[in-house]
């Protein structure tokens, strides 16, 4: 699949810095093989780092601000998780906030704009 290439893209942009999170629909590869920190809204760690501020109805700008405060620098979609489509549609709707940096074989990766 394309996850190894997506992980390499993150490492190319970040170098040795791994002090950030990736919001990822499917995170095992990133965690196991690249030692990158991943979270998703169903994980308790996500609610800890976002200070329990996550709500399903947040708009794109609210998501951006929350992720920025929470040190979530990347968002990764996986088309095999259709239940998350409404969330990722919000990310896709704002390329001014979430810069698309990788797309291949059902994997999409965005970086939060600084």
PDB file of N, CA and C in Angstrom:
ATOM      1  N   UNK A   1       0.818  -1.198   0.000  1.00  0.00           N
ATOM      2  CA  UNK A   1       0.000   0.000   0.000  1.00  0.00           C
ATOM      3  C   UNK A   1       0.854   1.251   0.000  1.00  0.00           C
ATOM      4  N   UNK A   2       0.184   2.368   0.134  1.00  0.00           N
ATOM      5  CA  UNK A   2       0.852   3.667   0.057  1.00  0.00           C
ATOM      6  C   UNK A   2       1.289   4.202   1.418  1.00  0.00           C
ATOM      7  N   UNK A   3       0.962   3.501   2.505  1.00  0.00           N
ATOM      8  CA  UNK A   3       1.333   4.031   3.826  1.00  0.00           C
ATOM      9  C   UNK A   3       2.830   4.238   3.995  1.00  0.00           C
ATOM     10  N   UNK A   4       3.702   3.326   3.528  1.00  0.00           N
ATOM     11  CA  UNK A   4       5.140   3.594   3.668  1.00  0.00           C
ATOM     12  C   UNK A   4       5.568   4.897   2.995  1.00  0.00           C
ATOM     13  N   UNK A   5       5.009   5.178   1.817  1.00  0.00           N
ATOM     14  CA  UNK A   5       5.359   6.418   1.115  1.00  0.00           C
ATOM     15  C   UNK A   5       4.831   7.639   1.859  1.00  0.00           C
ATOM     16  N   UNK A   6       3.627   7.540   2.422  1.00  0.00           N
ATOM     17  CA  UNK A   6       3.080   8.653   3.199  1.00  0.00           C
ATOM     18  C   UNK A   6       3.945   8.920   4.428  1.00  0.00           C
ATOM     19  N   UNK A   7       4.375   7.851   5.093  1.00  0.00           N
ATOM     20  CA  UNK A   7       5.248   8.005   6.267  1.00  0.00           C
ATOM     21  C   UNK A   7       6.573   8.638   5.870  1.00  0.00           C
ATOM     22  N   UNK A   8       7.112   8.236   4.736  1.00  0.00           N
ATOM     23  CA  UNK A   8       8.372   8.823   4.260  1.00  0.00           C
ATOM     24  C   UNK A   8       8.201  10.301   3.955  1.00  0.00           C
ATOM     25  N   UNK A   9       7.034  10.679   3.441  1.00  0.00           N
ATOM     26  CA  UNK A   9       6.760  12.094   3.154  1.00  0.00           C
ATOM     27  C   UNK A   9       6.791  12.908   4.448  1.00  0.00           C
ATOM     28  N   UNK A  10       6.189  12.384   5.509  1.00  0.00           N
ATOM     29  CA  UNK A  10       6.207  13.066   6.809  1.00  0.00           C
ATOM     30  C   UNK A  10       7.641  13.196   7.302  1.00  0.00           C
ATOM     31  N   UNK A  11       8.399  12.108   7.221  1.00  0.00           N
ATOM     32  CA  UNK A  11       9.785  12.144   7.710  1.00  0.00           C
ATOM     33  C   UNK A  11      10.645  13.100   6.888  1.00  0.00           C
ATOM     34  N   UNK A  12      10.367  13.203   5.604  1.00  0.00           N
ATOM     35  CA  UNK A  12      11.110  14.141   4.747  1.00  0.00           C
ATOM     36  C   UNK A  12      10.849  15.579   5.195  1.00  0.00           C
ATOM     37  N   UNK A  13       9.590  15.870   5.550  1.00  0.00           N
ATOM     38  CA  UNK A  13       9.228  17.225   5.969  1.00  0.00           C
ATOM     39  C   UNK A  13       9.687  17.544   7.385  1.00  0.00           C
ATOM     40  N   UNK A  14       9.709  16.551   8.255  1.00  0.00           N
ATOM     41  CA  UNK A  14       9.990  16.793   9.671  1.00  0.00           C
ATOM     42  C   UNK A  14      11.414  16.479  10.097  1.00  0.00           C
ATOM     43  N   UNK A  15      12.149  15.727   9.277  1.00  0.00           N
ATOM     44  CA  UNK A  15      13.484  15.321   9.696  1.00  0.00           C
ATOM     45  C   UNK A  15      13.395  14.399  10.902  1.00  0.00           C
ATOM     46  N   UNK A  16      14.227  14.642  11.898  1.00  0.00           N
ATOM     47  CA  UNK A  16      14.263  13.783  13.081  1.00  0.00           C
ATOM     48  C   UNK A  16      13.197  14.146  14.120  1.00  0.00           C
ATOM     49  N   UNK A  17      12.524  15.295  13.931  1.00  0.00           N
ATOM     50  CA  UNK A  17      11.505  15.731  14.890  1.00  0.00           C
ATOM     51  C   UNK A  17      10.306  14.790  14.841  1.00  0.00           C
ATOM     52  N   UNK A  18       9.987  14.187  15.969  1.00  0.00           N
ATOM     53  CA  UNK A  18       8.799  13.335  16.050  1.00  0.00           C
ATOM     54  C   UNK A  18       7.902  13.777  17.199  1.00  0.00           C
ATOM     55  N   UNK A  19       8.035  15.031  17.604  1.00  0.00           N
ATOM     56  CA  UNK A  19       7.266  15.558  18.725  1.00  0.00           C
ATOM     57  C   UNK A  19       5.975  16.211  18.223  1.00  0.00           C
ATOM     58  N   UNK A  20       5.136  15.419  17.579  1.00  0.00           N
ATOM     59  CA  UNK A  20       3.860  15.885  17.054  1.00  0.00           C
ATOM     60  C   UNK A  20       2.981  14.651  16.855  1.00  0.00           C
ATOM     61  N   UNK A  21       1.729  14.887  16.519  1.00  0.00           N
ATOM     62  CA  UNK A  21       0.790  13.783  16.297  1.00  0.00           C
ATOM     63  C   UNK A  21       0.266  13.806  14.870  1.00  0.00           C
ATOM     64  N   UNK A  22      -0.155  12.630  14.418  1.00  0.00           N
ATOM     65  CA  UNK A  22      -0.840  12.478  13.142  1.00  0.00           C
ATOM     66  C   UNK A  22      -2.235  11.940  13.450  1.00  0.00           C
ATOM     67  N   UNK A  23      -3.254  12.646  13.005  1.00  0.00           N
ATOM     68  CA  UNK A  23      -4.613  12.134  13.124  1.00  0.00           C
ATOM     69  C   UNK A  23      -4.800  11.166  11.962  1.00  0.00           C
ATOM     70  N   UNK A  24      -4.952   9.881  12.253  1.00  0.00           N
ATOM     71  CA  UNK A  24      -4.946   8.872  11.195  1.00  0.00           C
ATOM     72  C   UNK A  24      -6.061   7.858  11.367  1.00  0.00           C
ATOM     73  N   UNK A  25      -6.787   7.619  10.285  1.00  0.00           N
ATOM     74  CA  UNK A  25      -7.869   6.628  10.312  1.00  0.00           C
ATOM     75  C   UNK A  25      -7.320   5.226  10.518  1.00  0.00           C
ATOM     76  N   UNK A  26      -6.132   4.991  10.028  1.00  0.00           N
ATOM     77  CA  UNK A  26      -5.486   3.686  10.173  1.00  0.00           C
ATOM     78  C   UNK A  26      -4.035   3.967  10.548  1.00  0.00           C
ATOM     79  N   UNK A  27      -3.675   3.691  11.780  1.00  0.00           N
ATOM     80  CA  UNK A  27      -2.424   4.243  12.299  1.00  0.00           C
ATOM     81  C   UNK A  27      -1.323   3.238  12.597  1.00  0.00           C
ATOM     82  N   UNK A  28      -1.624   1.962  12.570  1.00  0.00           N
ATOM     83  CA  UNK A  28      -0.652   0.966  13.040  1.00  0.00           C
ATOM     84  C   UNK A  28       0.688   1.068  12.322  1.00  0.00           C
ATOM     85  N   UNK A  29       0.657   1.210  11.011  1.00  0.00           N
ATOM     86  CA  UNK A  29       1.917   1.255  10.256  1.00  0.00           C
ATOM     87  C   UNK A  29       2.802   2.405  10.738  1.00  0.00           C
ATOM     88  N   UNK A  30       2.220   3.583  10.886  1.00  0.00           N
ATOM     89  CA  UNK A  30       2.990   4.767  11.294  1.00  0.00           C
ATOM     90  C   UNK A  30       3.609   4.574  12.676  1.00  0.00           C
ATOM     91  N   UNK A  31       2.845   3.980  13.575  1.00  0.00           N
ATOM     92  CA  UNK A  31       3.325   3.770  14.938  1.00  0.00           C
ATOM     93  C   UNK A  31       4.386   2.685  14.997  1.00  0.00           C
ATOM     94  N   UNK A  32       4.107   1.550  14.382  1.00  0.00           N
ATOM     95  CA  UNK A  32       4.993   0.400  14.508  1.00  0.00           C
ATOM     96  C   UNK A  32       6.294   0.558  13.745  1.00  0.00           C
ATOM     97  N   UNK A  33       6.221   1.023  12.505  1.00  0.00           N
ATOM     98  CA  UNK A  33       7.407   1.015  11.645  1.00  0.00           C
ATOM     99  C   UNK A  33       8.160   2.334  11.590  1.00  0.00           C
ATOM    100  N   UNK A  34       7.513   3.412  11.984  1.00  0.00           N
ATOM    101  CA  UNK A  34       8.183   4.719  11.892  1.00  0.00           C
ATOM    102  C   UNK A  34       8.218   5.459  13.217  1.00  0.00           C
ATOM    103  N   UNK A  35       7.672   4.862  14.254  1.00  0.00           N
ATOM    104  CA  UNK A  35       7.677   5.473  15.580  1.00  0.00           C
ATOM    105  C   UNK A  35       7.082   6.880  15.576  1.00  0.00           C
ATOM    106  N   UNK A  36       6.049   7.066  14.766  1.00  0.00           N
ATOM    107  CA  UNK A  36       5.335   8.335  14.738  1.00  0.00           C
ATOM    108  C   UNK A  36       4.104   8.202  15.631  1.00  0.00           C
ATOM    109  N   UNK A  37       3.724   9.291  16.286  1.00  0.00           N
ATOM    110  CA  UNK A  37       2.596   9.261  17.215  1.00  0.00           C
ATOM    111  C   UNK A  37       1.301   9.535  16.448  1.00  0.00           C
ATOM    112  N   UNK A  38       0.379   8.596  16.533  1.00  0.00           N
ATOM    113  CA  UNK A  38      -0.887   8.746  15.834  1.00  0.00           C
ATOM    114  C   UNK A  38      -2.043   8.695  16.823  1.00  0.00           C
ATOM    115  N   UNK A  39      -3.116   9.403  16.475  1.00  0.00           N
ATOM    116  CA  UNK A  39      -4.324   9.414  17.295  1.00  0.00           C
ATOM    117  C   UNK A  39      -5.541   9.427  16.375  1.00  0.00           C
ATOM    118  N   UNK A  40      -6.676   9.048  16.927  1.00  0.00           N
ATOM    119  CA  UNK A  40      -7.964   9.189  16.235  1.00  0.00           C
ATOM    120  C   UNK A  40      -9.038   9.426  17.288  1.00  0.00           C
ATOM    121  N   UNK A  41     -10.157   9.978  16.860  1.00  0.00           N
ATOM    122  CA  UNK A  41     -11.153  10.453  17.823  1.00  0.00           C
ATOM    123  C   UNK A  41     -11.717   9.369  18.726  1.00  0.00           C
ATOM    124  N   UNK A  42     -11.623   8.105  18.333  1.00  0.00           N
ATOM    125  CA  UNK A  42     -12.155   7.055  19.218  1.00  0.00           C
ATOM    126  C   UNK A  42     -11.145   6.638  20.298  1.00  0.00           C
ATOM    127  N   UNK A  43      -9.916   7.133  20.241  1.00  0.00           N
ATOM    128  CA  UNK A  43      -8.880   6.778  21.219  1.00  0.00           C
ATOM    129  C   UNK A  43      -8.913   7.724  22.414  1.00  0.00           C
ATOM    130  N   UNK A  44      -8.684   7.176  23.603  1.00  0.00           N
ATOM    131  CA  UNK A  44      -8.658   8.032  24.790  1.00  0.00           C
ATOM    132  C   UNK A  44      -7.497   9.022  24.737  1.00  0.00           C
ATOM    133  N   UNK A  45      -6.372   8.638  24.151  1.00  0.00           N
ATOM    134  CA  UNK A  45      -5.219   9.555  24.050  1.00  0.00           C
ATOM    135  C   UNK A  45      -5.595  10.819  23.281  1.00  0.00           C
ATOM    136  N   UNK A  46      -6.425  10.668  22.254  1.00  0.00           N
ATOM    137  CA  UNK A  46      -6.865  11.831  21.478  1.00  0.00           C
ATOM    138  C   UNK A  46      -7.618  12.812  22.367  1.00  0.00           C
ATOM    139  N   UNK A  47      -8.490  12.298  23.217  1.00  0.00           N
ATOM    140  CA  UNK A  47      -9.277  13.176  24.079  1.00  0.00           C
ATOM    141  C   UNK A  47      -8.414  13.829  25.157  1.00  0.00           C
ATOM    142  N   UNK A  48      -7.351  13.169  25.551  1.00  0.00           N
ATOM    143  CA  UNK A  48      -6.413  13.763  26.508  1.00  0.00           C
ATOM    144  C   UNK A  48      -5.663  14.919  25.855  1.00  0.00           C
ATOM    145  N   UNK A  49      -5.076  14.678  24.665  1.00  0.00           N
ATOM    146  CA  UNK A  49      -4.266  15.743  24.057  1.00  0.00           C
ATOM    147  C   UNK A  49      -5.108  16.912  23.557  1.00  0.00           C
ATOM    148  N   UNK A  50      -6.393  16.665  23.263  1.00  0.00           N
ATOM    149  CA  UNK A  50      -7.264  17.764  22.833  1.00  0.00           C
ATOM    150  C   UNK A  50      -8.028  18.372  24.006  1.00  0.00           C
ATOM    151  N   UNK A  51      -7.671  17.987  25.219  1.00  0.00           N
ATOM    152  CA  UNK A  51      -8.259  18.570  26.421  1.00  0.00           C
ATOM    153  C   UNK A  51      -9.788  18.419  26.446  1.00  0.00           C
ATOM    154  N   UNK A  52     -10.269  17.278  25.929  1.00  0.00           N
ATOM    155  CA  UNK A  52     -11.704  16.954  25.903  1.00  0.00           C
ATOM    156  C   UNK A  52     -12.534  17.987  25.138  1.00  0.00           C
ATOM    157  N   UNK A  53     -11.915  18.707  24.202  1.00  0.00           N
ATOM    158  CA  UNK A  53     -12.629  19.743  23.454  1.00  0.00           C
ATOM    159  C   UNK A  53     -13.230  19.230  22.150  1.00  0.00           C
ATOM    160  N   UNK A  54     -12.971  17.980  21.778  1.00  0.00           N
ATOM    161  CA  UNK A  54     -13.480  17.444  20.515  1.00  0.00           C
ATOM    162  C   UNK A  54     -14.988  17.225  20.566  1.00  0.00           C
ATOM    163  N   UNK A  55     -15.665  17.682  19.499  1.00  0.00           N
ATOM    164  CA  UNK A  55     -17.090  17.412  19.312  1.00  0.00           C
ATOM    165  C   UNK A  55     -17.290  17.076  17.839  1.00  0.00           C
ATOM    166  N   UNK A  56     -18.214  16.168  17.542  1.00  0.00           N
ATOM    167  CA  UNK A  56     -18.448  15.747  16.153  1.00  0.00           C
ATOM    168  C   UNK A  56     -18.829  16.908  15.242  1.00  0.00           C
ATOM    169  N   UNK A  57     -19.517  17.910  15.766  1.00  0.00           N
ATOM    170  CA  UNK A  57     -20.032  18.984  14.922  1.00  0.00           C
ATOM    171  C   UNK A  57     -19.076  20.122  14.615  1.00  0.00           C
ATOM    172  N   UNK A  58     -17.820  20.000  14.998  1.00  0.00           N
ATOM    173  CA  UNK A  58     -16.875  21.089  14.753  1.00  0.00           C
ATOM    174  C   UNK A  58     -16.715  21.348  13.258  1.00  0.00           C
ATOM    175  N   UNK A  59     -16.580  22.627  12.900  1.00  0.00           N
ATOM    176  CA  UNK A  59     -16.321  23.003  11.513  1.00  0.00           C
ATOM    177  C   UNK A  59     -14.828  22.944  11.209  1.00  0.00           C
ATOM    178  N   UNK A  60     -14.452  23.121   9.934  1.00  0.00           N
ATOM    179  CA  UNK A  60     -13.042  23.011   9.542  1.00  0.00           C
ATOM    180  C   UNK A  60     -12.100  23.951  10.310  1.00  0.00           C
ATOM    181  N   UNK A  61     -12.501  25.203  10.503  1.00  0.00           N
ATOM    182  CA  UNK A  61     -11.633  26.146  11.218  1.00  0.00           C
ATOM    183  C   UNK A  61     -11.491  25.753  12.686  1.00  0.00           C
ATOM    184  N   UNK A  62     -12.573  25.290  13.291  1.00  0.00           N
ATOM    185  CA  UNK A  62     -12.515  24.834  14.693  1.00  0.00           C
ATOM    186  C   UNK A  62     -11.621  23.595  14.823  1.00  0.00           C
ATOM    187  N   UNK A  63     -11.717  22.684  13.859  1.00  0.00           N
ATOM    188  CA  UNK A  63     -10.847  21.503  13.855  1.00  0.00           C
ATOM    189  C   UNK A  63      -9.392  21.938  13.729  1.00  0.00           C
ATOM    190  N   UNK A  64      -9.129  22.843  12.798  1.00  0.00           N
ATOM    191  CA  UNK A  64      -7.767  23.349  12.588  1.00  0.00           C
ATOM    192  C   UNK A  64      -7.213  23.946  13.884  1.00  0.00           C
ATOM    193  N   UNK A  65      -7.980  24.827  14.522  1.00  0.00           N
ATOM    194  CA  UNK A  65      -7.510  25.483  15.754  1.00  0.00           C
ATOM    195  C   UNK A  65      -7.281  24.472  16.878  1.00  0.00           C
ATOM    196  N   UNK A  66      -8.197  23.508  17.015  1.00  0.00           N
ATOM    197  CA  UNK A  66      -8.048  22.485  18.044  1.00  0.00           C
ATOM    198  C   UNK A  66      -6.813  21.623  17.782  1.00  0.00           C
ATOM    199  N   UNK A  67      -6.631  21.195  16.547  1.00  0.00           N
ATOM    200  CA  UNK A  67      -5.478  20.363  16.212  1.00  0.00           C
ATOM    201  C   UNK A  67      -4.178  21.143  16.408  1.00  0.00           C
ATOM    202  N   UNK A  68      -4.174  22.410  16.036  1.00  0.00           N
ATOM    203  CA  UNK A  68      -2.978  23.250  16.195  1.00  0.00           C
ATOM    204  C   UNK A  68      -2.593  23.332  17.684  1.00  0.00           C
ATOM    205  N   UNK A  69      -3.570  23.613  18.538  1.00  0.00           N
ATOM    206  CA  UNK A  69      -3.315  23.692  19.984  1.00  0.00           C
ATOM    207  C   UNK A  69      -2.860  22.349  20.544  1.00  0.00           C
ATOM    208  N   UNK A  70      -3.282  21.271  19.913  1.00  0.00           N
ATOM    209  CA  UNK A  70      -3.019  19.917  20.421  1.00  0.00           C
ATOM    210  C   UNK A  70      -1.777  19.269  19.809  1.00  0.00           C
ATOM    211  N   UNK A  71      -1.049  20.019  18.983  1.00  0.00           N
ATOM    212  CA  UNK A  71       0.175  19.529  18.343  1.00  0.00           C
ATOM    213  C   UNK A  71      -0.098  18.370  17.374  1.00  0.00           C
ATOM    214  N   UNK A  72      -1.268  18.400  16.751  1.00  0.00           N
ATOM    215  CA  UNK A  72      -1.573  17.459  15.666  1.00  0.00           C
ATOM    216  C   UNK A  72      -1.224  18.185  14.371  1.00  0.00           C
ATOM    217  N   UNK A  73      -0.137  17.753  13.722  1.00  0.00           N
ATOM    218  CA  UNK A  73       0.366  18.468  12.550  1.00  0.00           C
ATOM    219  C   UNK A  73      -0.096  17.883  11.225  1.00  0.00           C
ATOM    220  N   UNK A  74      -0.556  16.628  11.245  1.00  0.00           N
ATOM    221  CA  UNK A  74      -0.948  15.953  10.003  1.00  0.00           C
ATOM    222  C   UNK A  74      -2.286  15.249  10.183  1.00  0.00           C
ATOM    223  N   UNK A  75      -2.976  15.104   9.065  1.00  0.00           N
ATOM    224  CA  UNK A  75      -4.235  14.362   9.032  1.00  0.00           C
ATOM    225  C   UNK A  75      -4.116  13.367   7.879  1.00  0.00           C
ATOM    226  N   UNK A  76      -4.386  12.091   8.177  1.00  0.00           N
ATOM    227  CA  UNK A  76      -4.292  11.063   7.143  1.00  0.00           C
ATOM    228  C   UNK A  76      -5.618  10.341   6.982  1.00  0.00           C
ATOM    229  N   UNK A  77      -6.108  10.320   5.758  1.00  0.00           N
ATOM    230  CA  UNK A  77      -7.352   9.635   5.430  1.00  0.00           C
ATOM    231  C   UNK A  77      -7.038   8.259   4.857  1.00  0.00           C
ATOM    232  N   UNK A  78      -7.997   7.373   5.014  1.00  0.00           N
ATOM    233  CA  UNK A  78      -7.907   6.032   4.454  1.00  0.00           C
ATOM    234  C   UNK A  78      -9.305   5.728   3.928  1.00  0.00           C
ATOM    235  N   UNK A  79      -9.461   5.567   2.612  1.00  0.00           N
ATOM    236  CA  UNK A  79     -10.791   5.425   2.029  1.00  0.00           C
ATOM    237  C   UNK A  79     -11.532   4.193   2.521  1.00  0.00           C
ATOM    238  N   UNK A  80     -10.821   3.300   3.189  1.00  0.00           N
ATOM    239  CA  UNK A  80     -11.456   2.078   3.678  1.00  0.00           C
ATOM    240  C   UNK A  80     -12.174   2.297   5.011  1.00  0.00           C
ATOM    241  N   UNK A  81     -12.236   3.520   5.462  1.00  0.00           N
ATOM    242  CA  UNK A  81     -12.980   3.871   6.676  1.00  0.00           C
ATOM    243  C   UNK A  81     -14.090   4.855   6.302  1.00  0.00           C
ATOM    244  N   UNK A  82     -15.130   4.396   5.570  1.00  0.00           N
ATOM    245  CA  UNK A  82     -16.149   5.329   5.061  1.00  0.00           C
ATOM    246  C   UNK A  82     -16.918   6.067   6.160  1.00  0.00           C
ATOM    247  N   UNK A  83     -16.969   5.524   7.359  1.00  0.00           N
ATOM    248  CA  UNK A  83     -17.693   6.198   8.442  1.00  0.00           C
ATOM    249  C   UNK A  83     -17.026   7.529   8.814  1.00  0.00           C
ATOM    250  N   UNK A  84     -15.773   7.723   8.412  1.00  0.00           N
ATOM    251  CA  UNK A  84     -15.062   8.970   8.723  1.00  0.00           C
ATOM    252  C   UNK A  84     -15.145   9.991   7.582  1.00  0.00           C
ATOM    253  N   UNK A  85     -15.844   9.649   6.503  1.00  0.00           N
ATOM    254  CA  UNK A  85     -15.914  10.527   5.342  1.00  0.00           C
ATOM    255  C   UNK A  85     -16.395  11.945   5.674  1.00  0.00           C
ATOM    256  N   UNK A  86     -17.450  12.123   6.504  1.00  0.00           N
ATOM    257  CA  UNK A  86     -17.886  13.501   6.810  1.00  0.00           C
ATOM    258  C   UNK A  86     -16.765  14.348   7.438  1.00  0.00           C
ATOM    259  N   UNK A  87     -15.961  13.736   8.303  1.00  0.00           N
ATOM    260  CA  UNK A  87     -14.838  14.459   8.905  1.00  0.00           C
ATOM    261  C   UNK A  87     -13.826  14.845   7.825  1.00  0.00           C
ATOM    262  N   UNK A  88     -13.442  13.889   6.990  1.00  0.00           N
ATOM    263  CA  UNK A  88     -12.417  14.175   5.982  1.00  0.00           C
ATOM    264  C   UNK A  88     -12.921  15.121   4.900  1.00  0.00           C
ATOM    265  N   UNK A  89     -14.226  15.147   4.650  1.00  0.00           N
ATOM    266  CA  UNK A  89     -14.785  16.130   3.718  1.00  0.00           C
ATOM    267  C   UNK A  89     -14.545  17.550   4.234  1.00  0.00           C
ATOM    268  N   UNK A  90     -14.611  17.723   5.566  1.00  0.00           N
ATOM    269  CA  UNK A  90     -14.322  19.042   6.147  1.00  0.00           C
ATOM    270  C   UNK A  90     -12.863  19.428   5.928  1.00  0.00           C
ATOM    271  N   UNK A  91     -11.962  18.451   6.078  1.00  0.00           N
ATOM    272  CA  UNK A  91     -10.536  18.705   5.869  1.00  0.00           C
ATOM    273  C   UNK A  91     -10.290  19.096   4.411  1.00  0.00           C
ATOM    274  N   UNK A  92     -10.877  18.339   3.489  1.00  0.00           N
ATOM    275  CA  UNK A  92     -10.698  18.592   2.054  1.00  0.00           C
ATOM    276  C   UNK A  92     -11.257  19.942   1.635  1.00  0.00           C
ATOM    277  N   UNK A  93     -12.277  20.429   2.349  1.00  0.00           N
ATOM    278  CA  UNK A  93     -12.942  21.669   1.954  1.00  0.00           C
ATOM    279  C   UNK A  93     -12.091  22.912   2.223  1.00  0.00           C
ATOM    280  N   UNK A  94     -11.011  22.769   2.981  1.00  0.00           N
ATOM    281  CA  UNK A  94     -10.213  23.944   3.358  1.00  0.00           C
ATOM    282  C   UNK A  94      -8.714  23.736   3.104  1.00  0.00           C
ATOM    283  N   UNK A  95      -8.310  23.712   1.808  1.00  0.00           N
ATOM    284  CA  UNK A  95      -6.877  23.563   1.521  1.00  0.00           C
ATOM    285  C   UNK A  95      -6.041  24.751   2.013  1.00  0.00           C
ATOM    286  N   UNK A  96      -6.722  25.853   2.361  1.00  0.00           N
ATOM    287  CA  UNK A  96      -6.004  26.988   2.940  1.00  0.00           C
ATOM    288  C   UNK A  96      -5.575  26.702   4.378  1.00  0.00           C
ATOM    289  N   UNK A  97      -6.226  25.732   5.027  1.00  0.00           N
ATOM    290  CA  UNK A  97      -5.875  25.346   6.397  1.00  0.00           C
ATOM    291  C   UNK A  97      -5.133  24.012   6.433  1.00  0.00           C
ATOM    292  N   UNK A  98      -5.565  23.080   5.577  1.00  0.00           N
ATOM    293  CA  UNK A  98      -5.008  21.728   5.541  1.00  0.00           C
ATOM    294  C   UNK A  98      -4.410  21.503   4.155  1.00  0.00           C
ATOM    295  N   UNK A  99      -3.093  21.585   4.068  1.00  0.00           N
ATOM    296  CA  UNK A  99      -2.404  21.493   2.781  1.00  0.00           C
ATOM    297  C   UNK A  99      -2.268  20.033   2.351  1.00  0.00           C
ATOM    298  N   UNK A 100      -2.813  19.668   1.181  1.00  0.00           N
ATOM    299  CA  UNK A 100      -2.640  18.292   0.714  1.00  0.00           C
ATOM    300  C   UNK A 100      -1.181  18.054   0.315  1.00  0.00           C
ATOM    301  N   UNK A 101      -0.572  17.024   0.896  1.00  0.00           N
ATOM    302  CA  UNK A 101       0.845  16.775   0.587  1.00  0.00           C
ATOM    303  C   UNK A 101       1.097  15.388   0.016  1.00  0.00           C
ATOM    304  N   UNK A 102       0.086  14.498   0.071  1.00  0.00           N
ATOM    305  CA  UNK A 102       0.292  13.151  -0.457  1.00  0.00           C
ATOM    306  C   UNK A 102      -1.058  12.529  -0.782  1.00  0.00           C
ATOM    307  N   UNK A 103      -1.132  11.845  -1.934  1.00  0.00           N
ATOM    308  CA  UNK A 103      -2.345  11.113  -2.275  1.00  0.00           C
ATOM    309  C   UNK A 103      -1.979   9.971  -3.211  1.00  0.00           C
ATOM    310  N   UNK A 104      -2.316   8.745  -2.781  1.00  0.00           N
ATOM    311  CA  UNK A 104      -2.031   7.569  -3.604  1.00  0.00           C
ATOM    312  C   UNK A 104      -2.756   6.361  -3.031  1.00  0.00           C
ATOM    313  N   UNK A 105      -3.352   5.557  -3.910  1.00  0.00           N
ATOM    314  CA  UNK A 105      -3.961   4.277  -3.528  1.00  0.00           C
ATOM    315  C   UNK A 105      -4.877   4.367  -2.312  1.00  0.00           C
ATOM    316  N   UNK A 106      -5.731   5.382  -2.274  1.00  0.00           N
ATOM    317  CA  UNK A 106      -6.697   5.487  -1.182  1.00  0.00           C
ATOM    318  C   UNK A 106      -6.188   6.159   0.081  1.00  0.00           C
ATOM    319  N   UNK A 107      -4.924   6.558   0.092  1.00  0.00           N
ATOM    320  CA  UNK A 107      -4.334   7.255   1.243  1.00  0.00           C
ATOM    321  C   UNK A 107      -4.181   8.732   0.875  1.00  0.00           C
ATOM    322  N   UNK A 108      -4.685   9.610   1.727  1.00  0.00           N
ATOM    323  CA  UNK A 108      -4.495  11.054   1.554  1.00  0.00           C
ATOM    324  C   UNK A 108      -3.875  11.602   2.833  1.00  0.00           C
ATOM    325  N   UNK A 109      -2.960  12.543   2.666  1.00  0.00           N
ATOM    326  CA  UNK A 109      -2.271  13.131   3.814  1.00  0.00           C
ATOM    327  C   UNK A 109      -2.259  14.643   3.661  1.00  0.00           C
ATOM    328  N   UNK A 110      -2.642  15.335   4.732  1.00  0.00           N
ATOM    329  CA  UNK A 110      -2.614  16.798   4.768  1.00  0.00           C
ATOM    330  C   UNK A 110      -1.735  17.262   5.911  1.00  0.00           C
ATOM    331  N   UNK A 111      -1.105  18.409   5.707  1.00  0.00           N
ATOM    332  CA  UNK A 111      -0.337  19.054   6.782  1.00  0.00           C
ATOM    333  C   UNK A 111      -1.060  20.343   7.163  1.00  0.00           C
ATOM    334  N   UNK A 112      -1.207  20.581   8.463  1.00  0.00           N
ATOM    335  CA  UNK A 112      -1.803  21.838   8.910  1.00  0.00           C
ATOM    336  C   UNK A 112      -0.878  22.970   8.497  1.00  0.00           C
ATOM    337  N   UNK A 113      -1.455  23.989   7.884  1.00  0.00           N
ATOM    338  CA  UNK A 113      -0.661  25.154   7.488  1.00  0.00           C
ATOM    339  C   UNK A 113      -0.248  25.912   8.742  1.00  0.00           C
ATOM    340  N   UNK A 114       0.941  26.455   8.702  1.00  0.00           N
ATOM    341  CA  UNK A 114       1.458  27.168   9.879  1.00  0.00           C
ATOM    342  C   UNK A 114       0.804  28.527  10.032  1.00  0.00           C
TER     343      UNK A 114
END
